């Protein structure tokens, strides 16, 4: 199994919806059993600018992590859908062991 994580900005949109929602919908349409989107409370990216959640914060400045635990075939299908839309998104794909106990 793989943990496939995308790191995007909350202000990014695609196909008329927030990008995190598009990723979740695309994964669902491929048959992925679940996915989650997490909004950051603070962080900085490649430009080094610190962003953190404050009362007066402007919307859209923080990162959203969208992740799925999926097999190799579904991970490749989802990445192909992203690439077919000419999107260049930062992602991490790593092998994980999953279980319930």
C-alpha atoms as a PDB file:
ATOM      1  CA  UNK A   1       0.000   0.000   0.000  1.00  0.00           C
ATOM      2  CA  UNK A   2       1.002   3.614  -0.535  1.00  0.00           C
ATOM      3  CA  UNK A   3       0.379   6.862   1.250  1.00  0.00           C
ATOM      4  CA  UNK A   4      -0.108   9.421  -1.529  1.00  0.00           C
ATOM      5  CA  UNK A   5      -0.081  12.993  -0.214  1.00  0.00           C
ATOM      6  CA  UNK A   6      -0.572  16.208  -2.176  1.00  0.00           C
ATOM      7  CA  UNK A   7       0.446  19.584  -0.744  1.00  0.00           C
ATOM      8  CA  UNK A   8      -1.527  22.461  -2.216  1.00  0.00           C
ATOM      9  CA  UNK A   9      -2.692  25.956  -1.355  1.00  0.00           C
ATOM     10  CA  UNK A  10      -6.191  26.349  -0.002  1.00  0.00           C
ATOM     11  CA  UNK A  11      -6.782  29.069  -2.608  1.00  0.00           C
ATOM     12  CA  UNK A  12      -6.048  26.776  -5.576  1.00  0.00           C
ATOM     13  CA  UNK A  13      -9.067  25.818  -7.693  1.00  0.00           C
ATOM     14  CA  UNK A  14      -9.624  23.475 -10.623  1.00  0.00           C
ATOM     15  CA  UNK A  15     -12.755  22.783 -12.673  1.00  0.00           C
ATOM     16  CA  UNK A  16     -14.744  25.350 -10.697  1.00  0.00           C
ATOM     17  CA  UNK A  17     -14.054  23.892  -7.252  1.00  0.00           C
ATOM     18  CA  UNK A  18     -11.326  23.977  -4.618  1.00  0.00           C
ATOM     19  CA  UNK A  19      -8.435  21.783  -5.759  1.00  0.00           C
ATOM     20  CA  UNK A  20      -8.573  19.648  -2.607  1.00  0.00           C
ATOM     21  CA  UNK A  21     -12.212  18.859  -3.416  1.00  0.00           C
ATOM     22  CA  UNK A  22     -11.338  18.021  -7.037  1.00  0.00           C
ATOM     23  CA  UNK A  23      -8.624  15.604  -5.861  1.00  0.00           C
ATOM     24  CA  UNK A  24     -11.035  13.901  -3.468  1.00  0.00           C
ATOM     25  CA  UNK A  25     -13.714  13.617  -6.176  1.00  0.00           C
ATOM     26  CA  UNK A  26     -11.269  12.212  -8.733  1.00  0.00           C
ATOM     27  CA  UNK A  27     -10.014   9.621  -6.262  1.00  0.00           C
ATOM     28  CA  UNK A  28     -13.574   8.641  -5.381  1.00  0.00           C
ATOM     29  CA  UNK A  29     -14.450   8.216  -9.067  1.00  0.00           C
ATOM     30  CA  UNK A  30     -11.469   5.842  -9.435  1.00  0.00           C
ATOM     31  CA  UNK A  31     -12.778   3.669  -6.619  1.00  0.00           C
ATOM     32  CA  UNK A  32     -10.465   4.847  -3.845  1.00  0.00           C
ATOM     33  CA  UNK A  33     -12.099   3.888  -0.532  1.00  0.00           C
ATOM     34  CA  UNK A  34     -11.231   7.077   1.328  1.00  0.00           C
ATOM     35  CA  UNK A  35      -9.259  10.277   1.388  1.00  0.00           C
ATOM     36  CA  UNK A  36      -8.834  13.276   3.643  1.00  0.00           C
ATOM     37  CA  UNK A  37      -7.924  16.948   3.365  1.00  0.00           C
ATOM     38  CA  UNK A  38      -6.157  18.671   6.265  1.00  0.00           C
ATOM     39  CA  UNK A  39      -5.706  22.434   6.560  1.00  0.00           C
ATOM     40  CA  UNK A  40      -2.444  23.656   8.070  1.00  0.00           C
ATOM     41  CA  UNK A  41      -2.380  26.013  11.033  1.00  0.00           C
ATOM     42  CA  UNK A  42       1.114  27.332  10.245  1.00  0.00           C
ATOM     43  CA  UNK A  43       3.975  26.737   7.865  1.00  0.00           C
ATOM     44  CA  UNK A  44       6.271  27.972   5.133  1.00  0.00           C
ATOM     45  CA  UNK A  45       6.997  26.757   1.644  1.00  0.00           C
ATOM     46  CA  UNK A  46       9.746  27.006  -0.938  1.00  0.00           C
ATOM     47  CA  UNK A  47       9.608  30.816  -0.875  1.00  0.00           C
ATOM     48  CA  UNK A  48      10.355  30.914   2.847  1.00  0.00           C
ATOM     49  CA  UNK A  49       7.402  33.128   3.757  1.00  0.00           C
ATOM     50  CA  UNK A  50       5.825  32.125   7.079  1.00  0.00           C
ATOM     51  CA  UNK A  51       2.040  31.764   7.133  1.00  0.00           C
ATOM     52  CA  UNK A  52       0.026  31.119  10.238  1.00  0.00           C
ATOM     53  CA  UNK A  53      -3.595  31.140  11.170  1.00  0.00           C
ATOM     54  CA  UNK A  54      -4.629  34.291  12.984  1.00  0.00           C
ATOM     55  CA  UNK A  55      -7.921  35.999  13.640  1.00  0.00           C
ATOM     56  CA  UNK A  56      -7.336  38.509  10.826  1.00  0.00           C
ATOM     57  CA  UNK A  57      -5.789  36.118   8.345  1.00  0.00           C
ATOM     58  CA  UNK A  58      -6.724  36.451   4.714  1.00  0.00           C
ATOM     59  CA  UNK A  59      -8.246  33.244   3.355  1.00  0.00           C
ATOM     60  CA  UNK A  60      -6.175  31.102   1.063  1.00  0.00           C
ATOM     61  CA  UNK A  61      -2.684  31.553   2.454  1.00  0.00           C
ATOM     62  CA  UNK A  62      -2.227  28.195   4.189  1.00  0.00           C
ATOM     63  CA  UNK A  63      -1.459  24.746   2.850  1.00  0.00           C
ATOM     64  CA  UNK A  64      -3.854  21.846   2.532  1.00  0.00           C
ATOM     65  CA  UNK A  65      -2.592  18.270   2.619  1.00  0.00           C
ATOM     66  CA  UNK A  66      -4.774  15.801   0.713  1.00  0.00           C
ATOM     67  CA  UNK A  67      -3.927  12.172   1.337  1.00  0.00           C
ATOM     68  CA  UNK A  68      -4.972   8.697   0.338  1.00  0.00           C
ATOM     69  CA  UNK A  69      -3.899   5.205   1.385  1.00  0.00           C
ATOM     70  CA  UNK A  70      -4.104   3.300  -1.886  1.00  0.00           C
ATOM     71  CA  UNK A  71      -2.479   0.535  -3.878  1.00  0.00           C
ATOM     72  CA  UNK A  72       0.109   1.134  -6.605  1.00  0.00           C
ATOM     73  CA  UNK A  73      -2.356   0.905  -9.493  1.00  0.00           C
ATOM     74  CA  UNK A  74      -4.783   3.463  -8.049  1.00  0.00           C
ATOM     75  CA  UNK A  75      -1.932   5.793  -7.089  1.00  0.00           C
ATOM     76  CA  UNK A  76      -0.666   5.752 -10.670  1.00  0.00           C
ATOM     77  CA  UNK A  77      -4.177   6.290 -12.056  1.00  0.00           C
ATOM     78  CA  UNK A  78      -4.734   9.294  -9.803  1.00  0.00           C
ATOM     79  CA  UNK A  79      -1.334  10.768 -10.679  1.00  0.00           C
ATOM     80  CA  UNK A  80      -2.129  10.267 -14.375  1.00  0.00           C
ATOM     81  CA  UNK A  81      -5.400  12.187 -13.950  1.00  0.00           C
ATOM     82  CA  UNK A  82      -3.513  15.036 -12.324  1.00  0.00           C
ATOM     83  CA  UNK A  83      -0.917  15.068 -15.126  1.00  0.00           C
ATOM     84  CA  UNK A  84      -3.623  14.864 -17.824  1.00  0.00           C
ATOM     85  CA  UNK A  85      -5.014  18.156 -16.496  1.00  0.00           C
ATOM     86  CA  UNK A  86      -1.592  19.796 -17.000  1.00  0.00           C
ATOM     87  CA  UNK A  87      -1.252  20.331 -13.260  1.00  0.00           C
ATOM     88  CA  UNK A  88       2.154  20.228 -11.651  1.00  0.00           C
ATOM     89  CA  UNK A  89       1.368  19.458  -8.022  1.00  0.00           C
ATOM     90  CA  UNK A  90       3.862  18.623  -5.309  1.00  0.00           C
ATOM     91  CA  UNK A  91       3.199  15.154  -3.929  1.00  0.00           C
ATOM     92  CA  UNK A  92       4.811  12.474  -1.810  1.00  0.00           C
ATOM     93  CA  UNK A  93       4.265   8.765  -2.449  1.00  0.00           C
ATOM     94  CA  UNK A  94       5.592   6.350   0.144  1.00  0.00           C
ATOM     95  CA  UNK A  95       5.037   2.725   0.958  1.00  0.00           C
ATOM     96  CA  UNK A  96       3.176   2.123   4.208  1.00  0.00           C
ATOM     97  CA  UNK A  97       1.988  -0.831   6.211  1.00  0.00           C
ATOM     98  CA  UNK A  98      -1.655  -0.596   7.252  1.00  0.00           C
ATOM     99  CA  UNK A  99      -3.726  -2.574   9.689  1.00  0.00           C
ATOM    100  CA  UNK A 100      -6.461  -2.487  12.257  1.00  0.00           C
ATOM    101  CA  UNK A 101      -6.317  -4.132  15.574  1.00  0.00           C
END
